[in-house]
Amino acid sequence: MGTSNFAVPILKSLYQNGYPVSVVYTQPPKKSNRGMKTQKSPVHNMAETLNIDVRTPENLKGNLAEYNFLEELGVDLAIVVAYGKILPENFLPLAKMGFINIHASILPSWRGAAPIQRSIMNLDKETGISIMRINENLDEGPVCNQYSLKISEEMNSEELSEKLSLIASEKILDILDNIDDGNLKFKDQDHSKATYAKKIQKTQGKIDWNENAEKILGQNISKSIDLYPIPNTSVPIPQKVYELPLPKQFFSSESNNELRLHKLGEIRWIYLSLEPSKAWPMLQEYLNQNKELNIARANPKTGEIFTEEITSGVKTEKRPNKCVGLNTGAESYNNKF
């Protein structure tokens, strides 16, 4: 049972080393990416490549069909790796030797959905994998083996995930040999030392500049898997509006006298609503007399404002048009300045 890329090398290792995998459970295909095309999980794709039967129930809780299927199958051992769904308690006795989970942390640290990202965000120096027997509570089952890995300063969550997955793909073979021989010993976790790795939320992409540099780096390196959430920030820029001293006849009756020069930092542009046949020549003359201004030109059909820095003559930027009264006839005058 597994879904993410983390589980793929483990499934592949079991298959290549001759362990009979009767069926693979994974999360159902979902729509994703910009095209919103239906995508199968990485484990689903690998299982099909290996010609292993795949089942993708939306839920197992209360799912009598899946319960009956596993009961009839007569499972010896179930291995769960980043499946993404909680197993109902009544399913656990269906496997003769139990349900074994490979978890990407040294339990009881970082129980939950995002142990790899949280260990980096917390600036941990070490993490690892734990092999545990699943019980009715989240990641609280007894542990038989743990394998540690140092986290380097440059390591991001994607690299750490790959390294842990490769370790797990090797060590699970030893676990299976020992469980067959009855040599595995499971030890209860110290629940008083438990920490929890909650799912990463989109809002956590925003950088908190009040944190120290190490913490900021850890928070954003941790998000390397699929760049989610994308690290982002915002900088408040004070805005001041300047009225241009233009003659009254410059404006049309529908314009509501909307001609303003806006300045944000070093970028200046003009918002306007006017009768183009009369106003644009006058505006051209005004701007020719004030060439230090950065002139904003608008394409009325597309609603885009093109900001050109006249002083440098090099840089061009696009900004959304916030002028609601721009006349379409003005387009023919754009090339005059």
C-alpha atoms as a PDB file:
ATOM      1  CA  MET A   1       0.000   0.000   0.000  1.00  0.00           C
ATOM      2  CA  GLY A   2       1.553   3.280  -1.110  1.00  0.00           C
ATOM      3  CA  THR A   3       1.041   6.365  -3.246  1.00  0.00           C
ATOM      4  CA  SER A   4       3.961   8.807  -3.483  1.00  0.00           C
ATOM      5  CA  ASN A   5       7.385   8.637  -5.159  1.00  0.00           C
ATOM      6  CA  PHE A   6       8.842   7.697  -1.780  1.00  0.00           C
ATOM      7  CA  ALA A   7       7.135   4.284  -1.983  1.00  0.00           C
ATOM      8  CA  VAL A   8       8.194   3.433  -5.557  1.00  0.00           C
ATOM      9  CA  PRO A   9      11.757   2.107  -4.897  1.00  0.00           C
ATOM     10  CA  ILE A  10      10.383  -0.134  -2.118  1.00  0.00           C
ATOM     11  CA  LEU A  11       7.777  -1.714  -4.394  1.00  0.00           C
ATOM     12  CA  LYS A  12      10.398  -2.148  -7.103  1.00  0.00           C
ATOM     13  CA  SER A  13      12.838  -3.757  -4.643  1.00  0.00           C
ATOM     14  CA  LEU A  14      10.255  -6.280  -3.448  1.00  0.00           C
ATOM     15  CA  TYR A  15       9.423  -7.270  -7.009  1.00  0.00           C
ATOM     16  CA  GLN A  16      13.037  -7.511  -8.212  1.00  0.00           C
ATOM     17  CA  ASN A  17      14.045  -9.636  -5.241  1.00  0.00           C
ATOM     18  CA  GLY A  18      11.385 -12.222  -5.881  1.00  0.00           C
ATOM     19  CA  TYR A  19       8.846 -11.401  -3.181  1.00  0.00           C
ATOM     20  CA  PRO A  20       5.353 -12.150  -4.508  1.00  0.00           C
ATOM     21  CA  VAL A  21       3.243  -8.991  -4.430  1.00  0.00           C
ATOM     22  CA  SER A  22      -0.378 -10.079  -4.788  1.00  0.00           C
ATOM     23  CA  VAL A  23      -1.952  -6.642  -5.115  1.00  0.00           C
ATOM     24  CA  VAL A  24      -1.064  -2.961  -4.791  1.00  0.00           C
ATOM     25  CA  TYR A  25      -3.344  -0.449  -3.076  1.00  0.00           C
ATOM     26  CA  THR A  26      -2.870   3.225  -3.925  1.00  0.00           C
ATOM     27  CA  GLN A  27      -4.906   6.420  -3.958  1.00  0.00           C
ATOM     28  CA  PRO A  28      -7.221   6.845  -6.950  1.00  0.00           C
ATOM     29  CA  PRO A  29      -6.184   8.947  -9.963  1.00  0.00           C
ATOM     30  CA  LYS A  30      -6.675  12.677  -9.463  1.00  0.00           C
ATOM     31  CA  LYS A  31      -6.842  15.751 -11.642  1.00  0.00           C
ATOM     32  CA  SER A  32      -3.712  17.850 -11.287  1.00  0.00           C
ATOM     33  CA  ASN A  33      -1.383  20.371 -12.939  1.00  0.00           C
ATOM     34  CA  ARG A  34      -2.521  23.239 -15.131  1.00  0.00           C
ATOM     35  CA  GLY A  35      -4.346  21.080 -17.645  1.00  0.00           C
ATOM     36  CA  MET A  36      -6.241  19.346 -14.824  1.00  0.00           C
ATOM     37  CA  LYS A  37      -5.639  16.001 -16.509  1.00  0.00           C
ATOM     38  CA  THR A  38      -6.323  12.865 -14.519  1.00  0.00           C
ATOM     39  CA  GLN A  39      -3.007  11.519 -13.198  1.00  0.00           C
ATOM     40  CA  LYS A  40      -2.267   8.132 -11.683  1.00  0.00           C
ATOM     41  CA  SER A  41      -0.054   8.001  -8.602  1.00  0.00           C
ATOM     42  CA  PRO A  42       3.653   7.090  -8.998  1.00  0.00           C
ATOM     43  CA  VAL A  43       2.986   3.765  -7.254  1.00  0.00           C
ATOM     44  CA  HIS A  44       0.062   3.073  -9.587  1.00  0.00           C
ATOM     45  CA  ASN A  45       2.276   3.621 -12.634  1.00  0.00           C
ATOM     46  CA  MET A  46       5.041   1.397 -11.260  1.00  0.00           C
ATOM     47  CA  ALA A  47       2.602  -1.389 -10.381  1.00  0.00           C
ATOM     48  CA  GLU A  48       1.250  -1.373 -13.921  1.00  0.00           C
ATOM     49  CA  THR A  49       4.794  -1.467 -15.301  1.00  0.00           C
ATOM     50  CA  LEU A  50       5.471  -4.533 -13.141  1.00  0.00           C
ATOM     51  CA  ASN A  51       2.136  -6.060 -14.173  1.00  0.00           C
ATOM     52  CA  ILE A  52       0.776  -6.130 -10.617  1.00  0.00           C
ATOM     53  CA  ASP A  53      -2.944  -5.768  -9.939  1.00  0.00           C
ATOM     54  CA  VAL A  54      -3.905  -2.321  -8.638  1.00  0.00           C
ATOM     55  CA  ARG A  55      -6.844  -1.292  -6.464  1.00  0.00           C
ATOM     56  CA  THR A  56      -7.733   2.362  -5.844  1.00  0.00           C
ATOM     57  CA  PRO A  57     -10.613   2.687  -3.353  1.00  0.00           C
ATOM     58  CA  GLU A  58     -11.593   6.196  -2.287  1.00  0.00           C
ATOM     59  CA  ASN A  59     -11.843   4.983   1.305  1.00  0.00           C
ATOM     60  CA  LEU A  60     -11.358   1.780   3.244  1.00  0.00           C
ATOM     61  CA  LYS A  61     -13.484   2.770   6.218  1.00  0.00           C
ATOM     62  CA  GLY A  62     -16.812   1.008   5.919  1.00  0.00           C
ATOM     63  CA  ASN A  63     -15.733  -0.498   2.587  1.00  0.00           C
ATOM     64  CA  LEU A  64     -17.127  -4.020   2.765  1.00  0.00           C
ATOM     65  CA  ALA A  65     -16.050  -4.885  -0.792  1.00  0.00           C
ATOM     66  CA  GLU A  66     -12.364  -4.244  -0.042  1.00  0.00           C
ATOM     67  CA  TYR A  67     -12.609  -5.984   3.325  1.00  0.00           C
ATOM     68  CA  ASN A  68     -14.043  -9.084   1.680  1.00  0.00           C
ATOM     69  CA  PHE A  69     -11.441  -8.948  -1.099  1.00  0.00           C
ATOM     70  CA  LEU A  70      -8.499  -8.930   1.342  1.00  0.00           C
ATOM     71  CA  GLU A  71     -10.099 -11.574   3.509  1.00  0.00           C
ATOM     72  CA  GLU A  72     -10.547 -13.871   0.524  1.00  0.00           C
ATOM     73  CA  LEU A  73      -7.038 -13.106  -0.746  1.00  0.00           C
ATOM     74  CA  GLY A  74      -5.541 -14.415   2.478  1.00  0.00           C
ATOM     75  CA  VAL A  75      -2.768 -11.836   2.903  1.00  0.00           C
ATOM     76  CA  ASP A  76       0.349 -12.986   4.790  1.00  0.00           C
ATOM     77  CA  LEU A  77       1.860  -9.517   5.287  1.00  0.00           C
ATOM     78  CA  ALA A  78       0.844  -5.994   4.257  1.00  0.00           C
ATOM     79  CA  ILE A  79       3.508  -3.303   3.771  1.00  0.00           C
ATOM     80  CA  VAL A  80       2.341   0.299   3.961  1.00  0.00           C
ATOM     81  CA  VAL A  81       4.527   3.176   2.696  1.00  0.00           C
ATOM     82  CA  ALA A  82       3.210   6.743   2.338  1.00  0.00           C
ATOM     83  CA  TYR A  83      -0.268   5.500   1.434  1.00  0.00           C
ATOM     84  CA  GLY A  84      -1.981   8.697   2.557  1.00  0.00           C
ATOM     85  CA  LYS A  85      -5.034   7.027   4.059  1.00  0.00           C
ATOM     86  CA  ILE A  86      -5.678   5.767   7.590  1.00  0.00           C
ATOM     87  CA  LEU A  87      -6.377   2.048   7.788  1.00  0.00           C
ATOM     88  CA  PRO A  88      -9.557   1.075   9.647  1.00  0.00           C
ATOM     89  CA  GLU A  89      -8.936  -0.948  12.787  1.00  0.00           C
ATOM     90  CA  ASN A  90     -11.031  -3.859  11.559  1.00  0.00           C
ATOM     91  CA  PHE A  91      -8.709  -4.315   8.544  1.00  0.00           C
ATOM     92  CA  LEU A  92      -5.586  -4.893  10.643  1.00  0.00           C
ATOM     93  CA  PRO A  93      -6.267  -8.585  11.515  1.00  0.00           C
ATOM     94  CA  LEU A  94      -6.706  -9.446   7.805  1.00  0.00           C
ATOM     95  CA  ALA A  95      -2.943  -9.916   7.316  1.00  0.00           C
ATOM     96  CA  LYS A  96      -1.626 -12.964   9.175  1.00  0.00           C
ATOM     97  CA  MET A  97       1.667 -11.273  10.161  1.00  0.00           C
ATOM     98  CA  GLY A  98       0.122  -7.833  10.424  1.00  0.00           C
ATOM     99  CA  PHE A  99       0.436  -4.509   8.635  1.00  0.00           C
ATOM    100  CA  ILE A 100       4.017  -3.138   8.595  1.00  0.00           C
ATOM    101  CA  ASN A 101       4.622   0.562   8.007  1.00  0.00           C
ATOM    102  CA  ILE A 102       7.817   2.222   6.732  1.00  0.00           C
ATOM    103  CA  HIS A 103       7.810   5.736   8.182  1.00  0.00           C
ATOM    104  CA  ALA A 104      10.290   8.478   7.183  1.00  0.00           C
ATOM    105  CA  SER A 105      11.447   9.557  10.655  1.00  0.00           C
ATOM    106  CA  ILE A 106      12.964   8.202  13.841  1.00  0.00           C
ATOM    107  CA  LEU A 107       9.751   7.620  15.765  1.00  0.00           C
ATOM    108  CA  PRO A 108       8.296   8.945  17.980  1.00  0.00           C
ATOM    109  CA  SER A 109       9.639  12.111  16.314  1.00  0.00           C
ATOM    110  CA  TRP A 110       7.580  13.489  13.452  1.00  0.00           C
ATOM    111  CA  ARG A 111       4.537  11.290  13.408  1.00  0.00           C
ATOM    112  CA  GLY A 112       2.158  12.252  10.640  1.00  0.00           C
ATOM    113  CA  ALA A 113       1.961  13.344   7.018  1.00  0.00           C
ATOM    114  CA  ALA A 114       5.116  15.404   6.361  1.00  0.00           C
ATOM    115  CA  PRO A 115       8.046  14.043   8.430  1.00  0.00           C
ATOM    116  CA  ILE A 116      10.723  14.806   5.815  1.00  0.00           C
ATOM    117  CA  GLN A 117       9.774  18.460   5.319  1.00  0.00           C
ATOM    118  CA  ARG A 118       9.265  19.064   9.029  1.00  0.00           C
ATOM    119  CA  SER A 119      12.663  17.636   9.962  1.00  0.00           C
ATOM    120  CA  ILE A 120      14.365  20.107   7.597  1.00  0.00           C
ATOM    121  CA  MET A 121      12.167  23.011   8.701  1.00  0.00           C
ATOM    122  CA  ASN A 122      13.141  22.204  12.292  1.00  0.00           C
ATOM    123  CA  LEU A 123      16.850  22.240  11.319  1.00  0.00           C
ATOM    124  CA  ASP A 124      17.287  18.652  12.530  1.00  0.00           C
ATOM    125  CA  LYS A 125      20.779  17.246  12.074  1.00  0.00           C
ATOM    126  CA  GLU A 126      19.570  13.673  11.731  1.00  0.00           C
ATOM    127  CA  THR A 127      16.525  11.711  10.649  1.00  0.00           C
ATOM    128  CA  GLY A 128      15.887   8.210   9.327  1.00  0.00           C
ATOM    129  CA  ILE A 129      13.272   5.530   8.798  1.00  0.00           C
ATOM    130  CA  SER A 130      11.321   3.423  11.259  1.00  0.00           C
ATOM    131  CA  ILE A 131       9.778   0.019  10.632  1.00  0.00           C
ATOM    132  CA  MET A 132       6.698  -0.326  12.811  1.00  0.00           C
ATOM    133  CA  ARG A 133       3.629  -2.487  13.226  1.00  0.00           C
ATOM    134  CA  ILE A 134       0.485  -0.508  12.511  1.00  0.00           C
ATOM    135  CA  ASN A 135      -2.095  -0.218  15.274  1.00  0.00           C
ATOM    136  CA  GLU A 136      -5.312   1.759  15.551  1.00  0.00           C
ATOM    137  CA  ASN A 137      -3.535   5.089  16.248  1.00  0.00           C
ATOM    138  CA  LEU A 138      -1.546   7.300  13.861  1.00  0.00           C
ATOM    139  CA  ASP A 139       2.118   6.183  13.751  1.00  0.00           C
ATOM    140  CA  GLU A 140       1.969   4.959  17.367  1.00  0.00           C
ATOM    141  CA  GLY A 141       2.617   1.256  16.777  1.00  0.00           C
ATOM    142  CA  PRO A 142       5.603  -0.660  18.195  1.00  0.00           C
ATOM    143  CA  VAL A 143       8.899  -0.352  16.291  1.00  0.00           C
ATOM    144  CA  CYS A 144      11.217  -3.195  15.323  1.00  0.00           C
ATOM    145  CA  ASN A 145      14.047  -1.386  13.499  1.00  0.00           C
ATOM    146  CA  GLN A 146      15.260   2.157  12.875  1.00  0.00           C
ATOM    147  CA  TYR A 147      17.952   3.403  10.484  1.00  0.00           C
ATOM    148  CA  SER A 148      19.488   6.875  10.848  1.00  0.00           C
ATOM    149  CA  LEU A 149      20.722   9.340   8.238  1.00  0.00           C
ATOM    150  CA  LYS A 150      22.583  12.627   8.708  1.00  0.00           C
ATOM    151  CA  ILE A 151      20.995  15.719   7.172  1.00  0.00           C
ATOM    152  CA  SER A 152      23.564  17.963   5.496  1.00  0.00           C
ATOM    153  CA  GLU A 153      23.068  21.734   5.357  1.00  0.00           C
ATOM    154  CA  GLU A 154      22.623  21.657   1.566  1.00  0.00           C
ATOM    155  CA  MET A 155      20.120  18.788   1.510  1.00  0.00           C
ATOM    156  CA  ASN A 156      16.589  19.618   0.449  1.00  0.00           C
ATOM    157  CA  SER A 157      13.462  17.560   1.017  1.00  0.00           C
ATOM    158  CA  GLU A 158      13.561  15.940  -2.407  1.00  0.00           C
ATOM    159  CA  GLU A 159      17.127  14.706  -1.935  1.00  0.00           C
ATOM    160  CA  LEU A 160      16.416  13.551   1.606  1.00  0.00           C
ATOM    161  CA  SER A 161      13.317  11.698   0.451  1.00  0.00           C
ATOM    162  CA  GLU A 162      15.296   9.849  -2.221  1.00  0.00           C
ATOM    163  CA  LYS A 163      18.025   8.819   0.220  1.00  0.00           C
ATOM    164  CA  LEU A 164      15.563   7.582   2.837  1.00  0.00           C
ATOM    165  CA  SER A 165      13.578   5.697   0.230  1.00  0.00           C
ATOM    166  CA  LEU A 166      16.688   3.892  -1.017  1.00  0.00           C
ATOM    167  CA  ILE A 167      17.616   2.907   2.539  1.00  0.00           C
ATOM    168  CA  ALA A 168      14.094   1.586   3.069  1.00  0.00           C
ATOM    169  CA  SER A 169      14.179  -0.375  -0.202  1.00  0.00           C
ATOM    170  CA  GLU A 170      17.262  -2.247   1.051  1.00  0.00           C
ATOM    171  CA  LYS A 171      16.329  -2.694   4.711  1.00  0.00           C
ATOM    172  CA  ILE A 172      12.822  -3.989   4.033  1.00  0.00           C
ATOM    173  CA  LEU A 173      14.430  -7.126   2.574  1.00  0.00           C
ATOM    174  CA  ASP A 174      16.157  -7.840   5.904  1.00  0.00           C
ATOM    175  CA  ILE A 175      12.900  -7.206   7.731  1.00  0.00           C
ATOM    176  CA  LEU A 176      11.052  -9.722   5.574  1.00  0.00           C
ATOM    177  CA  ASP A 177      13.722 -12.387   6.098  1.00  0.00           C
ATOM    178  CA  ASN A 178      13.623 -11.905   9.852  1.00  0.00           C
ATOM    179  CA  ILE A 179       9.855 -11.781  10.103  1.00  0.00           C
ATOM    180  CA  ASP A 180       9.678 -15.117   8.285  1.00  0.00           C
ATOM    181  CA  ASP A 181      12.066 -16.593  10.830  1.00  0.00           C
ATOM    182  CA  GLY A 182      10.196 -15.054  13.765  1.00  0.00           C
ATOM    183  CA  ASN A 183      13.285 -13.059  14.799  1.00  0.00           C
ATOM    184  CA  LEU A 184      11.738  -9.588  14.824  1.00  0.00           C
ATOM    185  CA  LYS A 185      11.164  -7.923  18.183  1.00  0.00           C
ATOM    186  CA  PHE A 186       8.855  -4.944  18.424  1.00  0.00           C
ATOM    187  CA  LYS A 187       9.286  -2.308  21.115  1.00  0.00           C
ATOM    188  CA  ASP A 188       6.693   0.247  22.193  1.00  0.00           C
ATOM    189  CA  GLN A 189       7.421   3.896  21.448  1.00  0.00           C
ATOM    190  CA  ASP A 190       7.956   6.474  24.174  1.00  0.00           C
ATOM    191  CA  HIS A 191       4.779   8.457  23.546  1.00  0.00           C
ATOM    192  CA  SER A 192       5.872  11.262  25.895  1.00  0.00           C
ATOM    193  CA  LYS A 193       8.551  12.270  23.332  1.00  0.00           C
ATOM    194  CA  ALA A 194       6.241  12.345  20.323  1.00  0.00           C
ATOM    195  CA  THR A 195       6.256  15.262  17.878  1.00  0.00           C
ATOM    196  CA  TYR A 196       3.886  15.679  14.966  1.00  0.00           C
ATOM    197  CA  ALA A 197       4.548  16.471  11.298  1.00  0.00           C
ATOM    198  CA  LYS A 198       1.375  18.172  10.147  1.00  0.00           C
ATOM    199  CA  LYS A 199       0.619  18.415   6.456  1.00  0.00           C
ATOM    200  CA  ILE A 200       2.273  21.398   4.765  1.00  0.00           C
ATOM    201  CA  GLN A 201      -0.300  24.106   4.002  1.00  0.00           C
ATOM    202  CA  LYS A 202      -0.217  26.552   1.103  1.00  0.00           C
ATOM    203  CA  THR A 203      -0.102  29.512   3.494  1.00  0.00           C
ATOM    204  CA  GLN A 204       3.248  28.279   4.798  1.00  0.00           C
ATOM    205  CA  GLY A 205       4.932  29.319   1.574  1.00  0.00           C
ATOM    206  CA  LYS A 206       5.073  32.907   2.814  1.00  0.00           C
ATOM    207  CA  ILE A 207       8.501  33.815   4.190  1.00  0.00           C
ATOM    208  CA  ASP A 208       8.537  35.218   7.706  1.00  0.00           C
ATOM    209  CA  TRP A 209      11.346  37.797   7.689  1.00  0.00           C
ATOM    210  CA  ASN A 210      11.210  38.000  11.482  1.00  0.00           C
ATOM    211  CA  GLU A 211      12.883  34.574  11.631  1.00  0.00           C
ATOM    212  CA  ASN A 212      16.642  34.176  11.516  1.00  0.00           C
ATOM    213  CA  ALA A 213      18.393  33.267   8.250  1.00  0.00           C
ATOM    214  CA  GLU A 214      18.843  29.611   9.179  1.00  0.00           C
ATOM    215  CA  LYS A 215      15.163  29.168   9.933  1.00  0.00           C
ATOM    216  CA  ILE A 216      14.089  30.894   6.712  1.00  0.00           C
ATOM    217  CA  LEU A 217      16.461  28.703   4.703  1.00  0.00           C
ATOM    218  CA  GLY A 218      15.191  25.548   6.401  1.00  0.00           C
ATOM    219  CA  GLN A 219      11.567  26.479   5.846  1.00  0.00           C
ATOM    220  CA  ASN A 220      12.064  26.993   2.132  1.00  0.00           C
ATOM    221  CA  ILE A 221      14.517  24.203   1.348  1.00  0.00           C
ATOM    222  CA  SER A 222      11.966  21.818   2.862  1.00  0.00           C
ATOM    223  CA  LYS A 223       9.477  22.694   0.128  1.00  0.00           C
ATOM    224  CA  SER A 224      11.527  21.373  -2.761  1.00  0.00           C
ATOM    225  CA  ILE A 225       9.206  18.444  -3.520  1.00  0.00           C
ATOM    226  CA  ASP A 226       7.065  19.738  -6.402  1.00  0.00           C
ATOM    227  CA  LEU A 227       7.905  23.260  -5.130  1.00  0.00           C
ATOM    228  CA  TYR A 228       4.853  23.230  -2.913  1.00  0.00           C
ATOM    229  CA  PRO A 229       4.075  25.628  -1.527  1.00  0.00           C
ATOM    230  CA  ILE A 230       6.191  28.019  -3.593  1.00  0.00           C
ATOM    231  CA  PRO A 231       8.232  30.271  -1.279  1.00  0.00           C
ATOM    232  CA  ASN A 232       6.886  33.805  -1.596  1.00  0.00           C
ATOM    233  CA  THR A 233       6.912  37.185   0.052  1.00  0.00           C
ATOM    234  CA  SER A 234       5.323  40.603  -0.323  1.00  0.00           C
ATOM    235  CA  VAL A 235       6.783  44.064   0.201  1.00  0.00           C
ATOM    236  CA  PRO A 236       4.469  46.988   1.007  1.00  0.00           C
ATOM    237  CA  ILE A 237       5.242  50.020  -1.193  1.00  0.00           C
ATOM    238  CA  PRO A 238       3.888  53.408  -0.173  1.00  0.00           C
ATOM    239  CA  GLN A 239       1.829  55.032  -2.951  1.00  0.00           C
ATOM    240  CA  LYS A 240       1.431  58.714  -3.570  1.00  0.00           C
ATOM    241  CA  VAL A 241      -0.853  60.199  -6.224  1.00  0.00           C
ATOM    242  CA  TYR A 242       0.167  63.371  -8.033  1.00  0.00           C
ATOM    243  CA  GLU A 243      -2.317  65.573  -9.923  1.00  0.00           C
ATOM    244  CA  LEU A 244      -0.982  66.849 -13.244  1.00  0.00           C
ATOM    245  CA  PRO A 245      -1.413  70.595 -13.844  1.00  0.00           C
ATOM    246  CA  LEU A 246      -3.148  70.286 -17.218  1.00  0.00           C
ATOM    247  CA  PRO A 247      -5.715  72.655 -18.760  1.00  0.00           C
ATOM    248  CA  LYS A 248      -9.376  71.960 -18.085  1.00  0.00           C
ATOM    249  CA  GLN A 249     -10.172  71.411 -21.767  1.00  0.00           C
ATOM    250  CA  PHE A 250      -7.798  68.428 -21.732  1.00  0.00           C
ATOM    251  CA  PHE A 251     -10.548  66.198 -20.335  1.00  0.00           C
ATOM    252  CA  SER A 252     -13.691  64.959 -22.010  1.00  0.00           C
ATOM    253  CA  SER A 253     -17.025  65.215 -20.223  1.00  0.00           C
ATOM    254  CA  GLU A 254     -17.078  61.432 -19.628  1.00  0.00           C
ATOM    255  CA  SER A 255     -13.611  61.273 -18.179  1.00  0.00           C
ATOM    256  CA  ASN A 256     -14.422  62.430 -14.632  1.00  0.00           C
ATOM    257  CA  ASN A 257     -11.155  64.349 -14.849  1.00  0.00           C
ATOM    258  CA  GLU A 258      -9.197  61.095 -14.481  1.00  0.00           C
ATOM    259  CA  LEU A 259      -5.612  61.896 -15.341  1.00  0.00           C
ATOM    260  CA  ARG A 260      -3.148  61.016 -12.597  1.00  0.00           C
ATOM    261  CA  LEU A 261       0.506  60.285 -12.301  1.00  0.00           C
ATOM    262  CA  HIS A 262       1.151  57.362  -9.970  1.00  0.00           C
ATOM    263  CA  LYS A 263       4.539  56.723  -8.445  1.00  0.00           C
ATOM    264  CA  LEU A 264       5.547  53.394  -6.858  1.00  0.00           C
ATOM    265  CA  GLY A 265       9.203  53.476  -5.920  1.00  0.00           C
ATOM    266  CA  GLU A 266      11.029  54.473  -9.098  1.00  0.00           C
ATOM    267  CA  ILE A 267       8.254  53.355 -11.462  1.00  0.00           C
ATOM    268  CA  ARG A 268       5.872  56.057 -12.700  1.00  0.00           C
ATOM    269  CA  TRP A 269       2.887  55.648 -14.961  1.00  0.00           C
ATOM    270  CA  ILE A 270      -0.213  57.536 -15.948  1.00  0.00           C
ATOM    271  CA  TYR A 271      -3.847  56.493 -15.578  1.00  0.00           C
ATOM    272  CA  LEU A 272      -6.135  58.335 -17.946  1.00  0.00           C
ATOM    273  CA  SER A 273      -9.607  58.567 -19.395  1.00  0.00           C
ATOM    274  CA  LEU A 274      -9.951  61.067 -22.176  1.00  0.00           C
ATOM    275  CA  GLU A 275     -11.113  61.902 -25.702  1.00  0.00           C
ATOM    276  CA  PRO A 276      -8.130  60.657 -27.757  1.00  0.00           C
ATOM    277  CA  SER A 277      -8.478  62.910 -30.803  1.00  0.00           C
ATOM    278  CA  LYS A 278      -8.082  66.025 -28.626  1.00  0.00           C
ATOM    279  CA  ALA A 279      -6.262  64.874 -25.535  1.00  0.00           C
ATOM    280  CA  TRP A 280      -3.436  62.697 -26.818  1.00  0.00           C
ATOM    281  CA  PRO A 281      -1.678  65.453 -28.795  1.00  0.00           C
ATOM    282  CA  MET A 282      -1.823  67.673 -25.714  1.00  0.00           C
ATOM    283  CA  LEU A 283      -0.533  64.870 -23.535  1.00  0.00           C
ATOM    284  CA  GLN A 284       2.273  64.207 -25.993  1.00  0.00           C
ATOM    285  CA  GLU A 285       3.327  67.838 -25.815  1.00  0.00           C
ATOM    286  CA  TYR A 286       3.196  67.812 -22.015  1.00  0.00           C
ATOM    287  CA  LEU A 287       5.311  64.670 -21.788  1.00  0.00           C
ATOM    288  CA  ASN A 288       7.830  66.015 -24.297  1.00  0.00           C
ATOM    289  CA  GLN A 289       8.338  68.930 -21.938  1.00  0.00           C
ATOM    290  CA  ASN A 290       8.747  66.545 -18.969  1.00  0.00           C
ATOM    291  CA  LYS A 291      10.983  63.825 -20.360  1.00  0.00           C
ATOM    292  CA  GLU A 292      12.229  62.790 -16.953  1.00  0.00           C
ATOM    293  CA  LEU A 293       8.895  61.028 -16.429  1.00  0.00           C
ATOM    294  CA  ASN A 294       8.559  57.325 -17.102  1.00  0.00           C
ATOM    295  CA  ILE A 295       5.741  57.232 -19.626  1.00  0.00           C
ATOM    296  CA  ALA A 296       2.939  54.728 -19.368  1.00  0.00           C
ATOM    297  CA  ARG A 297       1.248  53.688 -22.580  1.00  0.00           C
ATOM    298  CA  ALA A 298      -1.872  51.542 -22.645  1.00  0.00           C
ATOM    299  CA  ASN A 299      -3.343  49.141 -25.165  1.00  0.00           C
ATOM    300  CA  PRO A 300      -7.064  49.812 -24.694  1.00  0.00           C
ATOM    301  CA  LYS A 301      -8.167  46.625 -26.446  1.00  0.00           C
ATOM    302  CA  THR A 302      -6.199  44.266 -24.222  1.00  0.00           C
ATOM    303  CA  GLY A 303      -6.260  46.412 -21.100  1.00  0.00           C
ATOM    304  CA  GLU A 304      -2.480  46.233 -20.616  1.00  0.00           C
ATOM    305  CA  ILE A 305      -0.253  49.087 -19.537  1.00  0.00           C
ATOM    306  CA  PHE A 306       3.279  49.137 -20.913  1.00  0.00           C
ATOM    307  CA  THR A 307       5.711  50.986 -18.690  1.00  0.00           C
ATOM    308  CA  GLU A 308       8.881  52.151 -20.411  1.00  0.00           C
ATOM    309  CA  GLU A 309      11.701  53.846 -18.519  1.00  0.00           C
ATOM    310  CA  ILE A 310      12.568  56.715 -20.866  1.00  0.00           C
ATOM    311  CA  THR A 311      15.646  57.692 -18.855  1.00  0.00           C
ATOM    312  CA  SER A 312      17.382  54.369 -19.553  1.00  0.00           C
ATOM    313  CA  GLY A 313      15.643  53.539 -22.803  1.00  0.00           C
ATOM    314  CA  VAL A 314      16.147  49.854 -22.071  1.00  0.00           C
ATOM    315  CA  LYS A 315      13.757  48.345 -19.564  1.00  0.00           C
ATOM    316  CA  THR A 316      10.123  47.582 -20.366  1.00  0.00           C
ATOM    317  CA  GLU A 317       7.623  46.203 -17.873  1.00  0.00           C
ATOM    318  CA  LYS A 318       3.988  45.155 -18.138  1.00  0.00           C
ATOM    319  CA  ARG A 319       1.470  46.107 -15.482  1.00  0.00           C
ATOM    320  CA  PRO A 320      -2.298  45.503 -15.241  1.00  0.00           C
ATOM    321  CA  ASN A 321      -4.484  48.360 -16.364  1.00  0.00           C
ATOM    322  CA  LYS A 322      -6.379  49.904 -13.477  1.00  0.00           C
ATOM    323  CA  CYS A 323      -7.874  52.690 -15.578  1.00  0.00           C
ATOM    324  CA  VAL A 324     -11.571  51.961 -16.074  1.00  0.00           C
ATOM    325  CA  GLY A 325     -12.311  54.745 -18.559  1.00  0.00           C
ATOM    326  CA  LEU A 326      -9.637  54.291 -21.213  1.00  0.00           C
ATOM    327  CA  ASN A 327     -11.005  54.962 -24.713  1.00  0.00           C
ATOM    328  CA  THR A 328     -10.320  52.456 -27.505  1.00  0.00           C
ATOM    329  CA  GLY A 329      -9.605  55.237 -29.967  1.00  0.00           C
ATOM    330  CA  ALA A 330      -6.422  56.064 -28.090  1.00  0.00           C
ATOM    331  CA  GLU A 331      -4.604  53.068 -29.501  1.00  0.00           C
ATOM    332  CA  SER A 332      -3.554  54.833 -32.703  1.00  0.00           C
ATOM    333  CA  TYR A 333      -1.729  57.470 -30.646  1.00  0.00           C
ATOM    334  CA  ASN A 334       0.378  55.041 -28.647  1.00  0.00           C
ATOM    335  CA  ASN A 335       3.260  55.042 -31.091  1.00  0.00           C
ATOM    336  CA  LYS A 336       3.653  58.807 -30.870  1.00  0.00           C
ATOM    337  CA  PHE A 337       5.444  58.518 -27.517  1.00  0.00           C
END
